Amino acid sequence: MVEPELIKKLLHQAEVSERVELVKGLPEKISEPDKVVETLRELFRWETNGEVIYWGAQILEEKKDTPGALDIVRQKLDAGAQQRYKEYLVKDMVHIVAGQFKMGSPKNEVDRGENETQHQVKVGDFFISPYQVTNRLYELFDPNHRSQRNAYSTEDNQPMIYVNWYEAVMFSRWLGCRLPTEAEWEYACRAGMTAPFHTGDNLQPSRQTIMEIIHTRKIPKANIWRKPRRLAVIRPTRGGFTICMAMFMSGARIGMAITIMMNAKRKEQ
């Protein structure tokens, strides 16, 4: 028997990490698949954190043969996704034309990763958002994420901060989108260039603050995130390559508060 008030109370009192472990352990603690599904149904009524939802959705999709399991996921994430995409994103999405490029950096490039191997990659057509996700938009998905705002991102229209991969994946799905692949990411950020930076072989002084964040993982006292910045998506003169690099590091909660690049979407026919 699922007790709704007990689950609601638990969600309010437990930390995100505790709720994640609780959800992941449900199949071991509850042997009957239908009871697991009913427990997650009730939990999904109240839960807003993307990582908790991710693990719950994984379990429900594994138990797809249990009546109602997939309906819970669809209702939580997919219902209304296309409408949200049209309302919040479609006007800004940039069409990236299919092509091929040399992925990775050459051996003589400064700060090159030791595990890099340059190789030719083909990329198909897709759409991608040229802007970082704002607090306002992300909090429509997870209102409780407002507590993560701090001195580096306080306003509705500033980039949202402190999010991990699981949350990003669920947020993207909620919008009818997905995250870019690594190849799509680099293809869009390079914008047809081969130099280390969008400014050429060297970074302009005005952009060095961002690179300091990348290398030191320390945020300067000055708030550089006044509002979402446009990325150089096949428009190298826009100057967004360093932003792409900075955001690429935000796969975990490392505290440096760089937003994620979201919303890659296959070309619509």
Protein backbone atom coordinates (compact mmCIF):
# COMPACT_ATOMS: atom_id res chain seq x y z
CA MET A 1 0.00 0.00 0.00
CA VAL A 2 1.51 3.33 -1.10
CA GLU A 3 1.12 6.14 1.44
CA PRO A 4 0.99 9.47 -0.48
CA GLU A 5 1.54 11.69 2.54
CA LEU A 6 4.57 9.68 3.65
CA ILE A 7 6.16 10.03 0.20
CA LYS A 8 5.37 13.73 0.08
CA LYS A 9 6.92 14.23 3.53
CA LEU A 10 9.99 12.25 2.52
CA LEU A 11 10.53 14.40 -0.57
CA HIS A 12 10.43 17.55 1.52
CA GLN A 13 12.83 16.27 4.17
CA ALA A 14 15.37 14.19 2.23
CA GLU A 15 18.30 15.60 0.27
CA VAL A 16 18.47 15.01 -3.48
CA SER A 17 21.24 12.42 -3.06
CA GLU A 18 19.11 10.51 -0.54
CA ARG A 19 16.10 10.55 -2.82
CA VAL A 20 18.22 9.30 -5.71
CA GLU A 21 19.45 6.34 -3.67
CA LEU A 22 15.94 5.64 -2.45
CA VAL A 23 14.56 5.48 -6.00
CA LYS A 24 17.46 3.41 -7.32
CA GLY A 25 16.93 0.89 -4.51
CA LEU A 26 13.17 0.44 -4.98
CA PRO A 27 13.40 -2.72 -7.15
CA GLU A 28 15.46 -4.43 -4.43
CA LYS A 29 13.25 -3.30 -1.57
CA ILE A 30 9.90 -4.02 -3.28
CA SER A 31 9.61 -7.36 -5.05
CA GLU A 32 6.21 -6.81 -6.73
CA PRO A 33 6.60 -4.80 -9.99
CA ASP A 34 3.13 -3.27 -9.71
CA LYS A 35 3.94 -1.88 -6.26
CA VAL A 36 7.19 -0.39 -7.55
CA VAL A 37 5.23 1.30 -10.32
CA GLU A 38 2.59 2.63 -7.94
CA THR A 39 5.25 3.98 -5.60
CA LEU A 40 6.92 5.81 -8.48
CA ARG A 41 3.57 7.08 -9.70
CA GLU A 42 3.03 8.80 -6.36
CA LEU A 43 6.61 10.02 -6.17
CA PHE A 44 6.39 11.53 -9.66
CA ARG A 45 3.39 13.59 -8.54
CA TRP A 46 5.67 15.66 -6.29
CA GLU A 47 9.26 15.16 -7.46
CA THR A 48 10.81 17.92 -9.59
CA ASN A 49 14.53 17.17 -9.44
CA GLY A 50 15.78 15.88 -12.78
CA GLU A 51 18.23 13.35 -11.38
CA VAL A 52 15.61 11.68 -9.20
CA ILE A 53 13.20 11.66 -12.13
CA TYR A 54 15.90 10.17 -14.39
CA TRP A 55 16.40 7.12 -12.18
CA GLY A 56 12.67 6.71 -11.66
CA ALA A 57 12.10 6.84 -15.42
CA GLN A 58 14.83 4.25 -15.94
CA ILE A 59 13.05 1.83 -13.62
CA LEU A 60 9.63 2.49 -15.14
CA GLU A 61 10.94 1.96 -18.66
CA GLU A 62 12.58 -1.29 -17.58
CA LYS A 63 9.17 -2.36 -16.22
CA LYS A 64 7.35 -1.36 -19.39
CA ASP A 65 5.31 -4.58 -19.31
CA THR A 66 3.75 -3.54 -16.00
CA PRO A 67 0.46 -1.73 -16.69
CA GLY A 68 0.76 2.04 -16.41
CA ALA A 69 4.56 2.18 -16.11
CA LEU A 70 5.27 3.99 -19.38
CA ASP A 71 2.23 6.23 -18.97
CA ILE A 72 3.80 7.71 -15.83
CA VAL A 73 6.94 8.67 -17.72
CA ARG A 74 5.03 10.08 -20.67
CA GLN A 75 2.85 12.18 -18.42
CA LYS A 76 5.82 13.53 -16.45
CA LEU A 77 8.15 14.31 -19.36
CA ASP A 78 6.62 13.89 -22.80
CA ALA A 79 3.08 15.23 -22.46
CA GLY A 80 3.12 18.78 -23.81
CA ALA A 81 6.81 18.64 -24.76
CA GLN A 82 6.27 19.72 -28.36
CA GLN A 83 4.12 22.62 -27.23
CA ARG A 84 6.80 23.73 -24.77
CA TYR A 85 9.41 23.47 -27.52
CA LYS A 86 7.35 25.72 -29.80
CA GLU A 87 6.60 28.19 -27.03
CA TYR A 88 10.05 28.57 -25.49
CA LEU A 89 12.64 27.51 -28.06
CA VAL A 90 11.64 27.26 -31.70
CA LYS A 91 12.03 30.97 -32.51
CA ASP A 92 15.71 30.92 -31.52
CA MET A 93 16.85 27.48 -32.64
CA VAL A 94 19.62 27.62 -35.24
CA HIS A 95 19.74 25.16 -38.12
CA ILE A 96 23.17 23.53 -38.39
CA VAL A 97 23.74 22.17 -41.88
CA ALA A 98 25.18 18.65 -42.19
CA GLY A 99 28.87 18.41 -42.93
CA GLN A 100 32.16 16.94 -41.83
CA PHE A 101 35.10 18.26 -39.85
CA LYS A 102 38.27 17.16 -38.12
CA MET A 103 37.33 16.57 -34.51
CA GLY A 104 39.89 17.12 -31.79
CA SER A 105 42.99 19.28 -31.71
CA PRO A 106 46.39 18.82 -33.39
CA LYS A 107 49.35 17.53 -31.39
CA ASN A 108 51.06 20.92 -31.35
CA GLU A 109 48.10 22.84 -29.90
CA VAL A 110 48.65 24.36 -26.45
CA ASP A 111 46.69 22.73 -23.60
CA ARG A 112 45.70 19.82 -25.82
CA GLY A 113 44.25 16.85 -23.95
CA GLU A 114 46.49 13.79 -23.84
CA ASN A 115 43.61 11.51 -24.80
CA GLU A 116 42.74 13.44 -27.98
CA THR A 117 43.11 11.87 -31.39
CA GLN A 118 42.12 13.96 -34.38
CA HIS A 119 39.71 12.17 -36.67
CA GLN A 120 37.27 13.01 -39.44
CA VAL A 121 33.63 13.08 -38.37
CA LYS A 122 30.41 13.45 -40.35
CA VAL A 123 27.52 15.28 -38.70
CA GLY A 124 23.91 15.32 -39.88
CA ASP A 125 21.48 18.25 -39.87
CA PHE A 126 20.22 19.40 -36.50
CA PHE A 127 18.88 22.43 -34.68
CA ILE A 128 20.62 23.84 -31.60
CA SER A 129 19.90 26.66 -29.21
CA PRO A 130 22.44 29.50 -29.46
CA TYR A 131 21.70 30.62 -25.90
CA GLN A 132 22.35 29.27 -22.44
CA VAL A 133 19.32 28.09 -20.51
CA THR A 134 17.95 30.77 -18.21
CA ASN A 135 16.83 30.49 -14.61
CA ARG A 136 13.30 31.33 -15.70
CA LEU A 137 13.09 28.50 -18.22
CA TYR A 138 14.74 25.81 -16.11
CA GLU A 139 12.61 26.63 -13.08
CA LEU A 140 9.48 25.93 -15.10
CA PHE A 141 10.77 22.35 -15.12
CA ASP A 142 12.12 22.32 -11.57
CA PRO A 143 10.78 25.18 -9.39
CA ASN A 144 12.93 24.00 -6.47
CA HIS A 145 16.08 24.74 -8.45
CA ARG A 146 15.55 28.40 -7.58
CA SER A 147 17.42 27.68 -4.35
CA GLN A 148 20.58 27.21 -6.45
CA ARG A 149 20.67 30.86 -7.48
CA ASN A 150 23.53 32.81 -5.94
CA ALA A 151 25.59 35.95 -6.52
CA TYR A 152 26.70 34.69 -9.91
CA SER A 153 23.18 34.13 -11.20
CA THR A 154 20.32 35.84 -9.42
CA GLU A 155 17.98 37.13 -12.11
CA ASP A 156 15.37 35.32 -14.19
CA ASN A 157 17.14 36.00 -17.46
CA GLN A 158 20.61 34.95 -16.31
CA PRO A 159 22.00 31.49 -17.10
CA MET A 160 20.93 28.81 -14.66
CA ILE A 161 23.70 27.16 -12.64
CA TYR A 162 24.55 23.93 -10.77
CA VAL A 163 23.06 21.16 -12.84
CA ASN A 164 24.37 17.71 -13.67
CA TRP A 165 24.01 15.47 -16.73
CA TYR A 166 20.98 13.59 -15.43
CA GLU A 167 19.07 16.81 -14.82
CA ALA A 168 20.09 18.17 -18.21
CA VAL A 169 18.86 15.04 -19.98
CA MET A 170 15.46 15.15 -18.28
CA PHE A 171 15.08 18.88 -18.84
CA SER A 172 15.87 18.45 -22.53
CA ARG A 173 13.33 15.65 -22.89
CA TRP A 174 10.72 17.79 -21.10
CA LEU A 175 11.22 20.32 -23.90
CA GLY A 176 11.02 17.70 -26.66
CA CYS A 177 14.76 17.96 -27.26
CA ARG A 178 17.97 16.22 -26.37
CA LEU A 179 21.55 17.18 -25.50
CA PRO A 180 24.01 17.61 -28.37
CA THR A 181 26.47 14.79 -28.95
CA GLU A 182 30.13 15.62 -28.42
CA ALA A 183 30.62 15.74 -32.19
CA GLU A 184 27.62 18.04 -32.72
CA TRP A 185 28.86 20.25 -29.92
CA GLU A 186 32.34 20.68 -31.35
CA TYR A 187 31.05 21.07 -34.91
CA ALA A 188 28.74 23.91 -33.87
CA CYS A 189 31.31 25.59 -31.62
CA ARG A 190 34.08 25.50 -34.19
CA ALA A 191 31.79 27.25 -36.67
CA GLY A 192 33.88 26.10 -39.60
CA MET A 193 37.20 27.16 -38.02
CA THR A 194 40.27 25.12 -37.09
CA ALA A 195 42.01 27.56 -34.71
CA PRO A 196 41.96 26.97 -30.94
CA PHE A 197 39.75 30.02 -30.40
CA HIS A 198 37.13 31.91 -32.37
CA THR A 199 39.59 34.85 -32.35
CA GLY A 200 42.35 32.74 -33.92
CA ASP A 201 45.42 31.27 -32.25
CA ASN A 202 45.14 33.59 -29.25
CA LEU A 203 42.29 34.71 -27.06
CA GLN A 204 41.37 38.38 -26.90
CA PRO A 205 41.93 40.00 -23.48
CA SER A 206 38.20 40.59 -23.06
CA ARG A 207 37.63 36.83 -23.19
CA GLN A 208 40.43 35.74 -20.87
CA THR A 209 38.30 35.82 -17.76
CA ILE A 210 36.32 32.89 -19.09
CA MET A 211 39.48 30.93 -19.84
CA GLU A 212 40.72 31.57 -16.29
CA ILE A 213 37.54 29.89 -15.05
CA ILE A 214 38.19 26.90 -17.30
CA HIS A 215 41.77 26.38 -16.17
CA THR A 216 41.51 27.30 -12.48
CA ARG A 217 37.87 26.33 -11.81
CA LYS A 218 37.59 29.55 -9.79
CA ILE A 219 34.96 32.17 -10.48
CA PRO A 220 36.12 35.80 -10.34
CA LYS A 221 34.34 38.21 -8.02
CA ALA A 222 32.95 40.20 -10.94
CA ASN A 223 29.70 38.80 -12.26
CA ILE A 224 30.43 38.04 -15.92
CA TRP A 225 27.05 36.37 -16.52
CA ARG A 226 24.91 39.48 -16.90
CA LYS A 227 22.56 37.72 -19.30
CA PRO A 228 22.61 34.69 -21.63
CA ARG A 229 25.28 35.15 -24.28
CA ARG A 230 24.83 34.11 -27.86
CA LEU A 231 27.15 31.36 -29.07
CA ALA A 232 29.12 31.36 -32.30
CA VAL A 233 27.00 28.77 -34.04
CA ILE A 234 28.34 28.74 -37.62
CA ARG A 235 28.94 32.46 -37.15
CA PRO A 236 32.53 32.75 -35.89
CA THR A 237 32.43 36.53 -35.64
CA ARG A 238 29.86 36.25 -32.86
CA GLY A 239 32.58 35.05 -30.51
CA GLY A 240 31.07 32.14 -28.64
CA PHE A 241 33.69 29.41 -28.87
CA THR A 242 35.08 30.08 -25.40
CA ILE A 243 31.57 30.03 -23.94
CA CYS A 244 31.10 26.60 -25.48
CA MET A 245 34.32 25.40 -23.93
CA ALA A 246 33.36 26.71 -20.51
CA MET A 247 29.92 25.16 -20.57
CA PHE A 248 31.38 21.84 -21.70
CA MET A 249 32.79 21.44 -18.20
CA SER A 250 29.45 21.56 -16.43
CA GLY A 251 28.58 17.86 -16.51
CA ALA A 252 28.84 17.62 -12.72
CA ARG A 253 28.17 19.88 -9.76
CA ILE A 254 31.73 21.21 -9.59
CA GLY A 255 30.69 24.55 -8.17
CA MET A 256 32.05 26.70 -10.96
CA ALA A 257 28.54 27.55 -12.11
CA ILE A 258 28.87 27.42 -15.88
CA THR A 259 25.64 26.66 -17.66
CA ILE A 260 25.03 23.79 -20.02
CA MET A 261 24.43 23.96 -23.75
CA MET A 262 21.04 22.44 -24.38
CA ASN A 263 18.44 21.55 -26.88
CA ALA A 264 19.94 19.87 -29.89
CA LYS A 265 17.08 18.71 -32.07
CA ARG A 266 16.94 16.77 -35.31
CA LYS A 267 15.93 18.75 -38.38
CA GLU A 268 12.17 18.78 -38.76
CA GLN A 269 10.81 17.83 -42.16
